[in-house]
Amino acid sequence: MQYADIIAREADSLPLEKQVEVLDFIAFLKDRQSRTGEASIPMTIEEIEAFFRSFKVDTSGYKFDRDEANAR
């Protein structure tokens, strides 16, 4: 038996108001999945550089200090 069949059988045993909630939950999951799929598309180097250029901050002299960061 497929999961869709099990879900349908279980949803069919619920009152109508709860069946509507199941449909709302399915819509929520599909929406979240579509948003996650869009976010996982890798950006090109040009897109990444353009994103950081928009901040207009000079970080040329910045040096990351792990010990200092962990001390915070």
N, C-alpha and C. Protein backbone atom coordinates (compact mmCIF):
# COMPACT_ATOMS: atom_id res chain seq x y z
N MET A 1 0.85 -1.18 0.00
CA MET A 1 0.00 0.00 0.00
C MET A 1 0.90 1.25 0.00
N GLN A 2 0.58 2.19 -0.84
CA GLN A 2 1.34 3.43 -0.95
C GLN A 2 0.97 4.38 0.19
N TYR A 3 1.91 5.29 0.52
CA TYR A 3 1.64 6.27 1.57
C TYR A 3 0.41 7.11 1.24
N ALA A 4 0.24 7.47 -0.02
CA ALA A 4 -0.92 8.28 -0.40
C ALA A 4 -2.22 7.55 -0.07
N ASP A 5 -2.24 6.24 -0.28
CA ASP A 5 -3.43 5.45 0.05
C ASP A 5 -3.68 5.43 1.55
N ILE A 6 -2.61 5.29 2.32
CA ILE A 6 -2.74 5.27 3.78
C ILE A 6 -3.24 6.62 4.28
N ILE A 7 -2.66 7.70 3.74
CA ILE A 7 -3.08 9.04 4.14
C ILE A 7 -4.54 9.27 3.79
N ALA A 8 -4.94 8.85 2.59
CA ALA A 8 -6.34 9.02 2.17
C ALA A 8 -7.29 8.24 3.07
N ARG A 9 -6.90 7.00 3.39
CA ARG A 9 -7.76 6.17 4.26
C ARG A 9 -7.89 6.79 5.65
N GLU A 10 -6.76 7.24 6.20
CA GLU A 10 -6.80 7.85 7.53
C GLU A 10 -7.58 9.16 7.51
N ALA A 11 -7.38 9.97 6.48
CA ALA A 11 -8.11 11.25 6.39
C ALA A 11 -9.60 11.01 6.22
N ASP A 12 -9.96 9.95 5.52
CA ASP A 12 -11.38 9.64 5.30
C ASP A 12 -12.09 9.29 6.60
N SER A 13 -11.33 8.82 7.58
CA SER A 13 -11.95 8.44 8.85
C SER A 13 -12.13 9.65 9.79
N LEU A 14 -11.62 10.81 9.38
CA LEU A 14 -11.72 12.01 10.21
C LEU A 14 -13.00 12.79 9.90
N PRO A 15 -13.45 13.61 10.85
CA PRO A 15 -14.57 14.49 10.56
C PRO A 15 -14.18 15.49 9.47
N LEU A 16 -15.15 16.05 8.78
CA LEU A 16 -14.91 16.95 7.66
C LEU A 16 -14.00 18.12 8.03
N GLU A 17 -14.18 18.70 9.22
CA GLU A 17 -13.36 19.85 9.62
C GLU A 17 -11.89 19.45 9.71
N LYS A 18 -11.63 18.24 10.20
CA LYS A 18 -10.25 17.76 10.32
C LYS A 18 -9.67 17.42 8.95
N GLN A 19 -10.51 16.96 8.03
CA GLN A 19 -10.05 16.69 6.67
C GLN A 19 -9.57 17.98 6.01
N VAL A 20 -10.27 19.07 6.28
CA VAL A 20 -9.86 20.38 5.76
C VAL A 20 -8.49 20.76 6.34
N GLU A 21 -8.27 20.47 7.62
CA GLU A 21 -6.97 20.75 8.24
C GLU A 21 -5.86 19.93 7.58
N VAL A 22 -6.16 18.68 7.24
CA VAL A 22 -5.17 17.84 6.56
C VAL A 22 -4.80 18.47 5.21
N LEU A 23 -5.80 18.93 4.49
CA LEU A 23 -5.53 19.58 3.20
C LEU A 23 -4.71 20.86 3.39
N ASP A 24 -5.02 21.64 4.43
CA ASP A 24 -4.23 22.84 4.71
C ASP A 24 -2.78 22.47 5.01
N PHE A 25 -2.59 21.41 5.76
CA PHE A 25 -1.24 20.98 6.11
C PHE A 25 -0.47 20.52 4.87
N ILE A 26 -1.15 19.82 3.99
CA ILE A 26 -0.51 19.39 2.73
C ILE A 26 -0.11 20.61 1.91
N ALA A 27 -0.98 21.62 1.85
CA ALA A 27 -0.65 22.85 1.12
C ALA A 27 0.56 23.54 1.75
N PHE A 28 0.62 23.55 3.08
CA PHE A 28 1.77 24.13 3.78
C PHE A 28 3.05 23.40 3.41
N LEU A 29 3.03 22.07 3.43
CA LEU A 29 4.21 21.30 3.11
C LEU A 29 4.67 21.53 1.67
N LYS A 30 3.72 21.61 0.75
CA LYS A 30 4.07 21.84 -0.65
C LYS A 30 4.67 23.23 -0.83
N ASP A 31 4.13 24.22 -0.14
CA ASP A 31 4.65 25.58 -0.22
C ASP A 31 6.07 25.63 0.33
N ARG A 32 6.28 25.00 1.48
CA ARG A 32 7.61 24.99 2.10
C ARG A 32 8.61 24.26 1.20
N GLN A 33 8.18 23.19 0.57
CA GLN A 33 9.07 22.44 -0.32
C GLN A 33 9.45 23.28 -1.53
N SER A 34 8.50 24.02 -2.09
CA SER A 34 8.81 24.83 -3.26
C SER A 34 9.75 25.97 -2.89
N ARG A 35 9.60 26.54 -1.71
CA ARG A 35 10.51 27.60 -1.27
C ARG A 35 11.90 27.05 -1.04
N THR A 36 12.01 25.89 -0.45
CA THR A 36 13.30 25.26 -0.19
C THR A 36 13.98 24.93 -1.50
N GLY A 37 13.24 24.46 -2.47
CA GLY A 37 13.81 24.13 -3.77
C GLY A 37 14.39 25.34 -4.45
N GLU A 38 13.71 26.48 -4.34
CA GLU A 38 14.22 27.70 -4.95
C GLU A 38 15.50 28.16 -4.25
N ALA A 39 15.54 28.02 -2.94
CA ALA A 39 16.70 28.50 -2.19
C ALA A 39 17.92 27.63 -2.41
N SER A 40 17.73 26.37 -2.84
CA SER A 40 18.86 25.49 -2.98
C SER A 40 19.55 25.60 -4.34
N ILE A 41 19.03 26.46 -5.23
CA ILE A 41 19.66 26.65 -6.52
C ILE A 41 20.95 27.43 -6.30
N PRO A 42 22.09 26.87 -6.72
CA PRO A 42 23.36 27.57 -6.48
C PRO A 42 23.42 28.89 -7.25
N MET A 43 23.98 29.87 -6.60
CA MET A 43 24.15 31.17 -7.22
C MET A 43 25.45 31.18 -8.01
N THR A 44 25.49 31.99 -9.05
CA THR A 44 26.73 32.14 -9.80
C THR A 44 27.65 33.09 -9.03
N ILE A 45 28.91 33.07 -9.37
CA ILE A 45 29.87 33.96 -8.72
C ILE A 45 29.48 35.41 -8.95
N GLU A 46 29.00 35.72 -10.15
CA GLU A 46 28.58 37.09 -10.45
C GLU A 46 27.43 37.53 -9.54
N GLU A 47 26.47 36.63 -9.29
CA GLU A 47 25.34 36.96 -8.42
C GLU A 47 25.81 37.17 -6.98
N ILE A 48 26.73 36.35 -6.53
CA ILE A 48 27.24 36.48 -5.16
C ILE A 48 28.01 37.78 -5.01
N GLU A 49 28.88 38.08 -5.99
CA GLU A 49 29.65 39.33 -5.92
C GLU A 49 28.73 40.54 -5.98
N ALA A 50 27.71 40.49 -6.82
CA ALA A 50 26.76 41.61 -6.90
C ALA A 50 26.02 41.80 -5.58
N PHE A 51 25.67 40.71 -4.93
CA PHE A 51 25.00 40.79 -3.64
C PHE A 51 25.86 41.52 -2.63
N PHE A 52 27.13 41.12 -2.51
CA PHE A 52 28.00 41.74 -1.51
C PHE A 52 28.41 43.16 -1.89
N ARG A 53 28.50 43.46 -3.19
CA ARG A 53 28.80 44.84 -3.61
C ARG A 53 27.71 45.80 -3.17
N SER A 54 26.48 45.31 -3.05
CA SER A 54 25.37 46.18 -2.68
C SER A 54 25.52 46.74 -1.27
N PHE A 55 26.37 46.13 -0.44
CA PHE A 55 26.57 46.62 0.93
C PHE A 55 27.58 47.76 1.01
N LYS A 56 28.43 47.89 -0.01
CA LYS A 56 29.40 48.98 -0.08
C LYS A 56 30.22 49.11 1.19
N VAL A 57 30.80 48.00 1.64
CA VAL A 57 31.65 47.97 2.82
C VAL A 57 33.02 47.47 2.40
N ASP A 58 34.06 48.21 2.78
CA ASP A 58 35.42 47.81 2.44
C ASP A 58 35.90 46.79 3.46
N THR A 59 36.07 45.56 3.03
CA THR A 59 36.55 44.49 3.91
C THR A 59 37.95 44.04 3.50
N SER A 60 38.66 44.85 2.74
CA SER A 60 39.96 44.43 2.22
C SER A 60 40.97 44.22 3.34
N GLY A 61 40.87 44.94 4.46
CA GLY A 61 41.82 44.78 5.54
C GLY A 61 41.34 43.85 6.64
N TYR A 62 40.21 43.21 6.43
CA TYR A 62 39.63 42.36 7.48
C TYR A 62 40.37 41.03 7.57
N LYS A 63 40.64 40.60 8.80
CA LYS A 63 41.23 39.28 9.02
C LYS A 63 40.39 38.57 10.09
N PHE A 64 39.91 37.40 9.74
CA PHE A 64 39.08 36.65 10.68
C PHE A 64 39.95 36.06 11.78
N ASP A 65 39.54 36.27 13.03
CA ASP A 65 40.27 35.73 14.18
C ASP A 65 39.32 34.77 14.91
N ARG A 66 39.54 33.48 14.74
CA ARG A 66 38.65 32.47 15.32
C ARG A 66 38.61 32.55 16.84
N ASP A 67 39.75 32.78 17.47
CA ASP A 67 39.79 32.86 18.93
C ASP A 67 38.96 34.04 19.44
N GLU A 68 39.08 35.18 18.77
CA GLU A 68 38.30 36.34 19.16
C GLU A 68 36.80 36.10 18.97
N ALA A 69 36.45 35.48 17.88
CA ALA A 69 35.04 35.18 17.61
C ALA A 69 34.47 34.20 18.65
N ASN A 70 35.23 33.20 19.02
CA ASN A 70 34.76 32.24 20.01
C ASN A 70 34.72 32.80 21.41
N ALA A 71 35.50 33.85 21.67
CA ALA A 71 35.51 34.46 23.00
C ALA A 71 34.25 35.26 23.27
N ARG A 72 33.53 35.62 22.24
CA ARG A 72 32.33 36.43 22.40
C ARG A 72 31.23 35.64 22.94
